[in-house]
All heavy atoms as atom14 arrays in JSON, in Angstrom:
{
  "sequence": "IDCNRHLIPFFERLGYFSYCGWRFHKEYGSVMPMFHAVDAVSYLEQTG",
  "atom14_mask": [
    [1, 1, 1, 1, 1, 1, 1, 1, 0, 0, 0, 0, 0, 0],
    [1, 1, 1, 1, 1, 1, 1, 1, 0, 0, 0, 0, 0, 0],
    [1, 1, 1, 1, 1, 1, 0, 0, 0, 0, 0, 0, 0, 0],
    [1, 1, 1, 1, 1, 1, 1, 1, 0, 0, 0, 0, 0, 0],
    [1, 1, 1, 1, 1, 1, 1, 1, 1, 1, 1, 0, 0, 0],
    [1, 1, 1, 1, 1, 1, 1, 1, 1, 1, 0, 0, 0, 0],
    [1, 1, 1, 1, 1, 1, 1, 1, 0, 0, 0, 0, 0, 0],
    [1, 1, 1, 1, 1, 1, 1, 1, 0, 0, 0, 0, 0, 0],
    [1, 1, 1, 1, 1, 1, 1, 0, 0, 0, 0, 0, 0, 0],
    [1, 1, 1, 1, 1, 1, 1, 1, 1, 1, 1, 0, 0, 0],
    [1, 1, 1, 1, 1, 1, 1, 1, 1, 1, 1, 0, 0, 0],
    [1, 1, 1, 1, 1, 1, 1, 1, 1, 0, 0, 0, 0, 0],
    [1, 1, 1, 1, 1, 1, 1, 1, 1, 1, 1, 0, 0, 0],
    [1, 1, 1, 1, 1, 1, 1, 1, 0, 0, 0, 0, 0, 0],
    [1, 1, 1, 1, 0, 0, 0, 0, 0, 0, 0, 0, 0, 0],
    [1, 1, 1, 1, 1, 1, 1, 1, 1, 1, 1, 1, 0, 0],
    [1, 1, 1, 1, 1, 1, 1, 1, 1, 1, 1, 0, 0, 0],
    [1, 1, 1, 1, 1, 1, 0, 0, 0, 0, 0, 0, 0, 0],
    [1, 1, 1, 1, 1, 1, 1, 1, 1, 1, 1, 1, 0, 0],
    [1, 1, 1, 1, 1, 1, 0, 0, 0, 0, 0, 0, 0, 0],
    [1, 1, 1, 1, 0, 0, 0, 0, 0, 0, 0, 0, 0, 0],
    [1, 1, 1, 1, 1, 1, 1, 1, 1, 1, 1, 1, 1, 1],
    [1, 1, 1, 1, 1, 1, 1, 1, 1, 1, 1, 0, 0, 0],
    [1, 1, 1, 1, 1, 1, 1, 1, 1, 1, 1, 0, 0, 0],
    [1, 1, 1, 1, 1, 1, 1, 1, 1, 1, 0, 0, 0, 0],
    [1, 1, 1, 1, 1, 1, 1, 1, 1, 0, 0, 0, 0, 0],
    [1, 1, 1, 1, 1, 1, 1, 1, 1, 0, 0, 0, 0, 0],
    [1, 1, 1, 1, 1, 1, 1, 1, 1, 1, 1, 1, 0, 0],
    [1, 1, 1, 1, 0, 0, 0, 0, 0, 0, 0, 0, 0, 0],
    [1, 1, 1, 1, 1, 1, 0, 0, 0, 0, 0, 0, 0, 0],
    [1, 1, 1, 1, 1, 1, 1, 0, 0, 0, 0, 0, 0, 0],
    [1, 1, 1, 1, 1, 1, 1, 1, 0, 0, 0, 0, 0, 0],
    [1, 1, 1, 1, 1, 1, 1, 0, 0, 0, 0, 0, 0, 0],
    [1, 1, 1, 1, 1, 1, 1, 1, 0, 0, 0, 0, 0, 0],
    [1, 1, 1, 1, 1, 1, 1, 1, 1, 1, 1, 0, 0, 0],
    [1, 1, 1, 1, 1, 1, 1, 1, 1, 1, 0, 0, 0, 0],
    [1, 1, 1, 1, 1, 0, 0, 0, 0, 0, 0, 0, 0, 0],
    [1, 1, 1, 1, 1, 1, 1, 0, 0, 0, 0, 0, 0, 0],
    [1, 1, 1, 1, 1, 1, 1, 1, 0, 0, 0, 0, 0, 0],
    [1, 1, 1, 1, 1, 0, 0, 0, 0, 0, 0, 0, 0, 0],
    [1, 1, 1, 1, 1, 1, 1, 0, 0, 0, 0, 0, 0, 0],
    [1, 1, 1, 1, 1, 1, 0, 0, 0, 0, 0, 0, 0, 0],
    [1, 1, 1, 1, 1, 1, 1, 1, 1, 1, 1, 1, 0, 0],
    [1, 1, 1, 1, 1, 1, 1, 1, 0, 0, 0, 0, 0, 0],
    [1, 1, 1, 1, 1, 1, 1, 1, 1, 0, 0, 0, 0, 0],
    [1, 1, 1, 1, 1, 1, 1, 1, 1, 0, 0, 0, 0, 0],
    [1, 1, 1, 1, 1, 1, 1, 0, 0, 0, 0, 0, 0, 0],
    [1, 1, 1, 1, 0, 0, 0, 0, 0, 0, 0, 0, 0, 0]
  ],
  "atom14_positions": [
    [[104.96, 105.78, 100.71], [105.32, 104.89, 99.66], [104.23, 105.04, 98.56], [103.19, 105.57, 98.87], [105.4, 103.42, 100.17], [106.18, 102.57, 99.13], [104.03, 102.85, 100.38], [106.56, 101.2, 99.69], [0.0, 0.0, 0.0], [0.0, 0.0, 0.0], [0.0, 0.0, 0.0], [0.0, 0.0, 0.0], [0.0, 0.0, 0.0], [0.0, 0.0, 0.0]],
    [[104.52, 104.6, 97.38], [103.45, 104.57, 96.36], [103.47, 103.15, 95.76], [104.5, 102.51, 95.75], [103.59, 105.61, 95.34], [104.89, 105.42, 94.45], [104.84, 104.48, 93.54], [105.84, 106.21, 94.61], [0.0, 0.0, 0.0], [0.0, 0.0, 0.0], [0.0, 0.0, 0.0], [0.0, 0.0, 0.0], [0.0, 0.0, 0.0], [0.0, 0.0, 0.0]],
    [[102.34, 102.76, 95.22], [102.24, 101.38, 94.7], [101.19, 101.33, 93.56], [100.34, 102.25, 93.43], [101.89, 100.39, 95.8], [100.35, 100.56, 96.58], [0.0, 0.0, 0.0], [0.0, 0.0, 0.0], [0.0, 0.0, 0.0], [0.0, 0.0, 0.0], [0.0, 0.0, 0.0], [0.0, 0.0, 0.0], [0.0, 0.0, 0.0], [0.0, 0.0, 0.0]],
    [[101.2, 100.21, 92.82], [100.23, 99.99, 91.81], [99.01, 99.3, 92.45], [99.07, 98.89, 93.61], [100.8, 99.09, 90.72], [101.98, 99.75, 89.97], [103.02, 99.22, 89.94], [101.72, 100.94, 89.42], [0.0, 0.0, 0.0], [0.0, 0.0, 0.0], [0.0, 0.0, 0.0], [0.0, 0.0, 0.0], [0.0, 0.0, 0.0], [0.0, 0.0, 0.0]],
    [[97.91, 99.25, 91.75], [96.66, 98.8, 92.29], [96.75, 97.42, 92.98], [96.18, 97.23, 94.09], [95.62, 98.71, 91.15], [94.21, 98.39, 91.67], [93.18, 98.36, 90.54], [93.04, 99.64, 89.91], [92.3, 100.65, 90.3], [91.58, 100.52, 91.4], [92.24, 101.78, 89.65], [0.0, 0.0, 0.0], [0.0, 0.0, 0.0], [0.0, 0.0, 0.0]],
    [[97.41, 96.46, 92.32], [97.39, 95.05, 92.93], [98.15, 94.98, 94.25], [97.97, 94.01, 94.96], [98.03, 94.11, 91.89], [99.5, 94.29, 91.73], [100.06, 95.27, 90.96], [100.52, 93.5, 92.12], [101.38, 95.19, 90.99], [101.67, 94.09, 91.67], [0.0, 0.0, 0.0], [0.0, 0.0, 0.0], [0.0, 0.0, 0.0], [0.0, 0.0, 0.0]],
    [[98.97, 95.97, 94.6], [99.73, 95.91, 95.88], [99.02, 96.69, 97.01], [99.47, 96.64, 98.17], [101.11, 96.5, 95.66], [102.07, 95.63, 94.82], [103.38, 96.37, 94.59], [102.35, 94.28, 95.55], [0.0, 0.0, 0.0], [0.0, 0.0, 0.0], [0.0, 0.0, 0.0], [0.0, 0.0, 0.0], [0.0, 0.0, 0.0], [0.0, 0.0, 0.0]],
    [[97.95, 97.41, 96.72], [97.22, 98.21, 97.71], [96.84, 97.31, 98.94], [97.09, 97.69, 100.08], [96.07, 98.99, 97.14], [96.57, 100.07, 96.25], [95.19, 99.57, 98.28], [95.45, 100.79, 95.5], [0.0, 0.0, 0.0], [0.0, 0.0, 0.0], [0.0, 0.0, 0.0], [0.0, 0.0, 0.0], [0.0, 0.0, 0.0], [0.0, 0.0, 0.0]],
    [[96.21, 96.17, 98.71], [95.78, 95.36, 99.87], [96.95, 94.88, 100.72], [96.82, 94.83, 101.95], [95.06, 94.13, 99.2], [94.58, 94.64, 97.89], [95.63, 95.62, 97.45], [0.0, 0.0, 0.0], [0.0, 0.0, 0.0], [0.0, 0.0, 0.0], [0.0, 0.0, 0.0], [0.0, 0.0, 0.0], [0.0, 0.0, 0.0], [0.0, 0.0, 0.0]],
    [[98.1, 94.62, 100.1], [99.28, 94.19, 100.85], [99.66, 95.33, 101.79], [99.92, 95.1, 103.07], [100.4, 93.81, 99.94], [101.76, 93.58, 100.61], [101.99, 92.44, 101.27], [102.68, 94.58, 100.68], [103.2, 92.2, 101.88], [103.92, 94.37, 101.28], [104.16, 93.19, 101.91], [0.0, 0.0, 0.0], [0.0, 0.0, 0.0], [0.0, 0.0, 0.0]],
    [[99.78, 96.53, 101.33], [100.26, 97.63, 102.17], [99.22, 98.01, 103.19], [99.52, 98.48, 104.26], [100.66, 98.83, 101.28], [101.99, 98.67, 100.63], [102.03, 98.38, 99.27], [103.13, 98.71, 101.38], [103.31, 98.17, 98.69], [104.41, 98.48, 100.82], [104.46, 98.25, 99.42], [0.0, 0.0, 0.0], [0.0, 0.0, 0.0], [0.0, 0.0, 0.0]],
    [[97.91, 97.86, 102.85], [96.92, 98.11, 103.85], [97.03, 97.14, 105.02], [96.89, 97.54, 106.14], [95.45, 97.95, 103.21], [95.16, 99.13, 102.25], [93.82, 99.01, 101.6], [93.28, 97.87, 101.57], [93.33, 99.97, 101.04], [0.0, 0.0, 0.0], [0.0, 0.0, 0.0], [0.0, 0.0, 0.0], [0.0, 0.0, 0.0], [0.0, 0.0, 0.0]],
    [[97.24, 95.9, 104.75], [97.39, 94.9, 105.81], [98.66, 95.22, 106.62], [98.74, 94.89, 107.82], [97.52, 93.49, 105.22], [96.2, 92.99, 104.66], [96.3, 91.47, 104.35], [97.37, 91.15, 103.38], [97.18, 91.13, 102.07], [95.99, 91.45, 101.59], [98.2, 90.78, 101.3], [0.0, 0.0, 0.0], [0.0, 0.0, 0.0], [0.0, 0.0, 0.0]],
    [[99.66, 95.85, 105.97], [100.91, 96.19, 106.68], [100.67, 97.38, 107.67], [101.42, 97.48, 108.65], [101.93, 96.56, 105.63], [103.4, 96.52, 106.01], [103.81, 95.12, 106.44], [104.21, 96.99, 104.77], [0.0, 0.0, 0.0], [0.0, 0.0, 0.0], [0.0, 0.0, 0.0], [0.0, 0.0, 0.0], [0.0, 0.0, 0.0], [0.0, 0.0, 0.0]],
    [[99.65, 98.2, 107.37], [99.42, 99.38, 108.21], [99.42, 100.69, 107.45], [99.47, 101.8, 108.12], [0.0, 0.0, 0.0], [0.0, 0.0, 0.0], [0.0, 0.0, 0.0], [0.0, 0.0, 0.0], [0.0, 0.0, 0.0], [0.0, 0.0, 0.0], [0.0, 0.0, 0.0], [0.0, 0.0, 0.0], [0.0, 0.0, 0.0], [0.0, 0.0, 0.0]],
    [[99.35, 100.67, 106.18], [99.42, 101.91, 105.38], [97.98, 102.36, 104.98], [97.06, 101.52, 104.95], [100.18, 101.71, 104.09], [101.71, 101.7, 104.21], [102.34, 100.63, 104.76], [102.43, 102.77, 103.82], [103.75, 100.6, 104.93], [103.81, 102.81, 103.96], [104.44, 101.74, 104.52], [105.81, 101.73, 104.7], [0.0, 0.0, 0.0], [0.0, 0.0, 0.0]],
    [[97.79, 103.68, 104.8], [96.57, 104.27, 104.4], [96.7, 105.13, 103.14], [97.69, 105.82, 103.03], [95.98, 105.15, 105.54], [95.58, 104.4, 106.8], [96.5, 104.14, 107.79], [94.27, 103.93, 106.89], [96.08, 103.44, 108.95], [93.9, 103.25, 107.98], [94.73, 103.0, 109.07], [0.0, 0.0, 0.0], [0.0, 0.0, 0.0], [0.0, 0.0, 0.0]],
    [[95.74, 105.04, 102.28], [95.67, 105.98, 101.19], [95.1, 107.27, 101.67], [94.33, 107.31, 102.67], [94.78, 105.41, 100.1], [95.24, 104.13, 99.63], [0.0, 0.0, 0.0], [0.0, 0.0, 0.0], [0.0, 0.0, 0.0], [0.0, 0.0, 0.0], [0.0, 0.0, 0.0], [0.0, 0.0, 0.0], [0.0, 0.0, 0.0], [0.0, 0.0, 0.0]],
    [[95.38, 108.36, 100.95], [94.93, 109.67, 101.48], [94.68, 110.74, 100.41], [94.0, 111.73, 100.62], [95.99, 110.22, 102.45], [97.29, 110.46, 101.8], [97.71, 111.71, 101.3], [98.25, 109.44, 101.65], [98.88, 111.95, 100.7], [99.48, 109.67, 101.06], [99.8, 110.88, 100.64], [101.05, 111.11, 99.97], [0.0, 0.0, 0.0], [0.0, 0.0, 0.0]],
    [[95.18, 110.51, 99.21], [95.02, 111.56, 98.18], [94.63, 111.03, 96.79], [94.68, 111.73, 95.8], [96.3, 112.38, 98.08], [97.71, 111.47, 97.38], [0.0, 0.0, 0.0], [0.0, 0.0, 0.0], [0.0, 0.0, 0.0], [0.0, 0.0, 0.0], [0.0, 0.0, 0.0], [0.0, 0.0, 0.0], [0.0, 0.0, 0.0], [0.0, 0.0, 0.0]],
    [[94.2, 109.78, 96.71], [93.78, 109.17, 95.4], [94.93, 108.88, 94.56], [96.12, 108.84, 94.94], [0.0, 0.0, 0.0], [0.0, 0.0, 0.0], [0.0, 0.0, 0.0], [0.0, 0.0, 0.0], [0.0, 0.0, 0.0], [0.0, 0.0, 0.0], [0.0, 0.0, 0.0], [0.0, 0.0, 0.0], [0.0, 0.0, 0.0], [0.0, 0.0, 0.0]],
    [[94.63, 108.61, 93.28], [95.64, 108.25, 92.32], [96.46, 109.48, 91.82], [95.86, 110.55, 91.65], [95.01, 107.56, 91.09], [94.39, 106.24, 91.47], [93.11, 106.0, 91.71], [95.08, 104.99, 91.56], [92.86, 104.66, 92.06], [94.08, 104.05, 91.97], [96.41, 104.64, 91.44], [94.42, 102.73, 92.21], [96.72, 103.29, 91.66], [95.78, 102.36, 92.07]],
    [[97.77, 109.24, 91.67], [98.68, 110.3, 91.19], [99.47, 109.75, 90.05], [99.6, 108.54, 89.92], [99.55, 110.76, 92.32], [98.81, 111.31, 93.55], [98.28, 112.62, 93.35], [99.36, 113.62, 93.36], [99.23, 114.86, 92.89], [98.09, 115.29, 92.38], [100.24, 115.68, 92.94], [0.0, 0.0, 0.0], [0.0, 0.0, 0.0], [0.0, 0.0, 0.0]],
    [[99.97, 110.67, 89.25], [100.75, 110.27, 88.08], [102.24, 110.38, 88.43], [102.78, 111.4, 88.77], [100.48, 111.12, 86.83], [101.26, 110.72, 85.68], [100.95, 109.64, 84.87], [102.44, 111.45, 85.29], [101.71, 109.21, 83.78], [103.19, 111.1, 84.19], [102.82, 110.01, 83.46], [0.0, 0.0, 0.0], [0.0, 0.0, 0.0], [0.0, 0.0, 0.0]],
    [[102.94, 109.24, 88.23], [104.4, 109.2, 88.41], [105.01, 109.1, 87.01], [104.62, 108.29, 86.13], [104.76, 107.96, 89.23], [106.26, 107.93, 89.63], [107.27, 107.72, 88.77], [106.77, 108.09, 90.86], [108.41, 107.69, 89.42], [108.16, 107.95, 90.71], [0.0, 0.0, 0.0], [0.0, 0.0, 0.0], [0.0, 0.0, 0.0], [0.0, 0.0, 0.0]],
    [[106.09, 109.91, 86.78], [106.64, 110.09, 85.43], [107.28, 108.75, 84.94], [107.47, 108.61, 83.69], [107.74, 111.18, 85.41], [108.87, 111.0, 86.38], [109.73, 112.22, 86.45], [110.86, 112.14, 87.39], [111.65, 113.34, 87.54], [0.0, 0.0, 0.0], [0.0, 0.0, 0.0], [0.0, 0.0, 0.0], [0.0, 0.0, 0.0], [0.0, 0.0, 0.0]],
    [[107.66, 107.8, 85.82], [108.22, 106.5, 85.38], [107.22, 105.37, 85.43], [107.3, 104.46, 84.67], [109.46, 106.19, 86.2], [110.65, 107.11, 85.84], [111.87, 106.69, 86.6], [111.86, 106.73, 87.88], [112.88, 106.31, 85.95], [0.0, 0.0, 0.0], [0.0, 0.0, 0.0], [0.0, 0.0, 0.0], [0.0, 0.0, 0.0], [0.0, 0.0, 0.0]],
    [[106.33, 105.4, 86.43], [105.48, 104.3, 86.73], [103.98, 104.49, 86.42], [103.2, 103.61, 86.69], [105.68, 103.88, 88.18], [107.13, 103.61, 88.55], [107.75, 104.36, 89.47], [107.8, 102.59, 87.87], [109.09, 104.15, 89.79], [109.15, 102.41, 88.17], [109.78, 103.19, 89.15], [111.18, 102.98, 89.46], [0.0, 0.0, 0.0], [0.0, 0.0, 0.0]],
    [[103.64, 105.72, 85.9], [102.31, 105.93, 85.49], [101.41, 106.17, 86.74], [101.83, 106.86, 87.7], [0.0, 0.0, 0.0], [0.0, 0.0, 0.0], [0.0, 0.0, 0.0], [0.0, 0.0, 0.0], [0.0, 0.0, 0.0], [0.0, 0.0, 0.0], [0.0, 0.0, 0.0], [0.0, 0.0, 0.0], [0.0, 0.0, 0.0], [0.0, 0.0, 0.0]],
    [[100.22, 105.63, 86.74], [99.21, 105.8, 87.81], [99.64, 105.05, 89.05], [99.75, 103.79, 89.04], [97.87, 105.45, 87.33], [96.89, 105.77, 88.32], [0.0, 0.0, 0.0], [0.0, 0.0, 0.0], [0.0, 0.0, 0.0], [0.0, 0.0, 0.0], [0.0, 0.0, 0.0], [0.0, 0.0, 0.0], [0.0, 0.0, 0.0], [0.0, 0.0, 0.0]],
    [[99.83, 105.78, 90.13], [100.26, 105.12, 91.44], [99.4, 105.64, 92.61], [98.79, 106.75, 92.46], [101.77, 105.36, 91.75], [102.64, 104.75, 90.66], [102.01, 106.87, 91.9], [0.0, 0.0, 0.0], [0.0, 0.0, 0.0], [0.0, 0.0, 0.0], [0.0, 0.0, 0.0], [0.0, 0.0, 0.0], [0.0, 0.0, 0.0], [0.0, 0.0, 0.0]],
    [[99.32, 104.91, 93.64], [98.59, 105.27, 94.86], [99.58, 105.61, 95.95], [100.21, 104.66, 96.55], [97.64, 104.11, 95.3], [96.85, 104.45, 96.52], [95.62, 105.74, 96.31], [94.37, 104.86, 95.33], [0.0, 0.0, 0.0], [0.0, 0.0, 0.0], [0.0, 0.0, 0.0], [0.0, 0.0, 0.0], [0.0, 0.0, 0.0], [0.0, 0.0, 0.0]],
    [[99.76, 106.84, 96.32], [100.57, 107.19, 97.48], [99.85, 106.68, 98.74], [98.62, 106.81, 98.86], [100.63, 108.71, 97.45], [100.3, 109.07, 95.99], [99.33, 108.04, 95.61], [0.0, 0.0, 0.0], [0.0, 0.0, 0.0], [0.0, 0.0, 0.0], [0.0, 0.0, 0.0], [0.0, 0.0, 0.0], [0.0, 0.0, 0.0], [0.0, 0.0, 0.0]],
    [[100.63, 106.19, 99.72], [100.13, 105.72, 100.97], [101.06, 106.15, 102.1], [102.23, 106.31, 101.84], [99.93, 104.21, 101.01], [99.15, 103.67, 99.82], [98.95, 101.91, 99.79], [97.66, 101.69, 101.05], [0.0, 0.0, 0.0], [0.0, 0.0, 0.0], [0.0, 0.0, 0.0], [0.0, 0.0, 0.0], [0.0, 0.0, 0.0], [0.0, 0.0, 0.0]],
    [[100.47, 106.35, 103.3], [101.34, 106.7, 104.44], [101.11, 105.71, 105.59], [100.05, 105.08, 105.75], [101.05, 108.09, 104.88], [99.86, 108.33, 105.75], [99.86, 108.2, 107.09], [98.62, 108.63, 105.13], [98.71, 108.39, 107.9], [97.46, 108.86, 105.84], [97.48, 108.7, 107.29], [0.0, 0.0, 0.0], [0.0, 0.0, 0.0], [0.0, 0.0, 0.0]],
    [[102.15, 105.63, 106.42], [102.19, 104.67, 107.57], [102.69, 105.48, 108.77], [103.79, 105.93, 108.87], [103.11, 103.54, 107.29], [103.36, 102.57, 108.41], [102.36, 101.99, 109.06], [104.52, 102.19, 109.02], [102.83, 101.19, 110.04], [104.19, 101.33, 110.03], [0.0, 0.0, 0.0], [0.0, 0.0, 0.0], [0.0, 0.0, 0.0], [0.0, 0.0, 0.0]],
    [[101.72, 105.68, 109.74], [102.11, 106.28, 111.02], [102.7, 105.21, 111.89], [102.04, 104.29, 112.35], [100.9, 106.83, 111.76], [0.0, 0.0, 0.0], [0.0, 0.0, 0.0], [0.0, 0.0, 0.0], [0.0, 0.0, 0.0], [0.0, 0.0, 0.0], [0.0, 0.0, 0.0], [0.0, 0.0, 0.0], [0.0, 0.0, 0.0], [0.0, 0.0, 0.0]],
    [[104.07, 105.22, 112.02], [104.81, 104.1, 112.61], [104.43, 103.84, 114.04], [104.65, 102.75, 114.61], [106.29, 104.3, 112.5], [106.68, 104.47, 111.05], [106.79, 105.48, 113.34], [0.0, 0.0, 0.0], [0.0, 0.0, 0.0], [0.0, 0.0, 0.0], [0.0, 0.0, 0.0], [0.0, 0.0, 0.0], [0.0, 0.0, 0.0], [0.0, 0.0, 0.0]],
    [[103.91, 104.88, 114.76], [103.6, 104.73, 116.18], [102.19, 104.23, 116.46], [101.75, 104.2, 117.65], [103.85, 106.03, 116.91], [102.89, 107.14, 116.43], [102.52, 107.14, 115.27], [102.63, 108.05, 117.17], [0.0, 0.0, 0.0], [0.0, 0.0, 0.0], [0.0, 0.0, 0.0], [0.0, 0.0, 0.0], [0.0, 0.0, 0.0], [0.0, 0.0, 0.0]],
    [[101.44, 103.84, 115.47], [100.07, 103.3, 115.69], [100.19, 101.87, 116.12], [99.69, 100.98, 115.47], [99.23, 103.49, 114.48], [0.0, 0.0, 0.0], [0.0, 0.0, 0.0], [0.0, 0.0, 0.0], [0.0, 0.0, 0.0], [0.0, 0.0, 0.0], [0.0, 0.0, 0.0], [0.0, 0.0, 0.0], [0.0, 0.0, 0.0], [0.0, 0.0, 0.0]],
    [[100.83, 101.58, 117.25], [101.18, 100.28, 117.66], [99.94, 99.37, 117.95], [99.85, 98.28, 117.5], [102.12, 100.28, 118.84], [102.5, 98.86, 119.3], [103.4, 101.15, 118.55], [0.0, 0.0, 0.0], [0.0, 0.0, 0.0], [0.0, 0.0, 0.0], [0.0, 0.0, 0.0], [0.0, 0.0, 0.0], [0.0, 0.0, 0.0], [0.0, 0.0, 0.0]],
    [[98.97, 99.92, 118.71], [97.79, 99.19, 118.99], [97.03, 98.81, 117.77], [96.42, 97.71, 117.63], [96.87, 99.94, 119.98], [97.52, 100.1, 121.27], [0.0, 0.0, 0.0], [0.0, 0.0, 0.0], [0.0, 0.0, 0.0], [0.0, 0.0, 0.0], [0.0, 0.0, 0.0], [0.0, 0.0, 0.0], [0.0, 0.0, 0.0], [0.0, 0.0, 0.0]],
    [[96.96, 99.76, 116.83], [96.25, 99.49, 115.5], [96.94, 98.37, 114.78], [96.3, 97.45, 114.23], [96.31, 100.74, 114.69], [95.81, 100.55, 113.33], [94.43, 100.32, 113.01], [96.71, 100.53, 112.25], [94.05, 100.12, 111.72], [96.28, 100.3, 110.92], [94.95, 100.09, 110.67], [94.54, 99.9, 109.4], [0.0, 0.0, 0.0], [0.0, 0.0, 0.0]],
    [[98.29, 98.35, 114.77], [99.0, 97.31, 114.11], [98.73, 95.94, 114.71], [98.56, 94.94, 114.03], [100.53, 97.54, 114.09], [101.02, 98.8, 113.38], [102.53, 98.9, 113.57], [100.63, 98.78, 111.97], [0.0, 0.0, 0.0], [0.0, 0.0, 0.0], [0.0, 0.0, 0.0], [0.0, 0.0, 0.0], [0.0, 0.0, 0.0], [0.0, 0.0, 0.0]],
    [[98.56, 95.91, 116.02], [98.19, 94.67, 116.75], [96.83, 94.19, 116.37], [96.6, 93.09, 116.07], [98.34, 94.89, 118.26], [98.0, 93.63, 119.03], [98.07, 93.83, 120.55], [98.1, 95.0, 121.0], [98.01, 92.83, 121.29], [0.0, 0.0, 0.0], [0.0, 0.0, 0.0], [0.0, 0.0, 0.0], [0.0, 0.0, 0.0], [0.0, 0.0, 0.0]],
    [[95.9, 95.17, 116.39], [94.48, 94.84, 116.06], [94.31, 94.22, 114.65], [93.56, 93.35, 114.44], [93.61, 96.08, 116.19], [93.33, 96.56, 117.54], [92.43, 97.75, 117.53], [91.7, 98.1, 116.59], [92.45, 98.54, 118.63], [0.0, 0.0, 0.0], [0.0, 0.0, 0.0], [0.0, 0.0, 0.0], [0.0, 0.0, 0.0], [0.0, 0.0, 0.0]],
    [[95.07, 94.78, 113.71], [94.93, 94.32, 112.36], [95.82, 93.18, 111.94], [95.78, 92.71, 110.83], [95.19, 95.54, 111.42], [96.49, 96.04, 111.67], [94.15, 96.67, 111.57], [0.0, 0.0, 0.0], [0.0, 0.0, 0.0], [0.0, 0.0, 0.0], [0.0, 0.0, 0.0], [0.0, 0.0, 0.0], [0.0, 0.0, 0.0], [0.0, 0.0, 0.0]],
    [[96.7, 92.78, 112.9], [97.57, 91.67, 112.58], [98.74, 91.92, 111.69], [99.27, 91.05, 110.99], [0.0, 0.0, 0.0], [0.0, 0.0, 0.0], [0.0, 0.0, 0.0], [0.0, 0.0, 0.0], [0.0, 0.0, 0.0], [0.0, 0.0, 0.0], [0.0, 0.0, 0.0], [0.0, 0.0, 0.0], [0.0, 0.0, 0.0], [0.0, 0.0, 0.0]]
  ]
}
């Protein structure tokens, strides 16, 4: 997924990680791509 700066903490709490820095999206400008490894179950439990 990608998001604007103010949403990064929300997705981090959800279980997403940034990995390549800021990128330019032709419609939304500067965005932060993030990835979520869905099988990191214990990690999701640890982080709530």
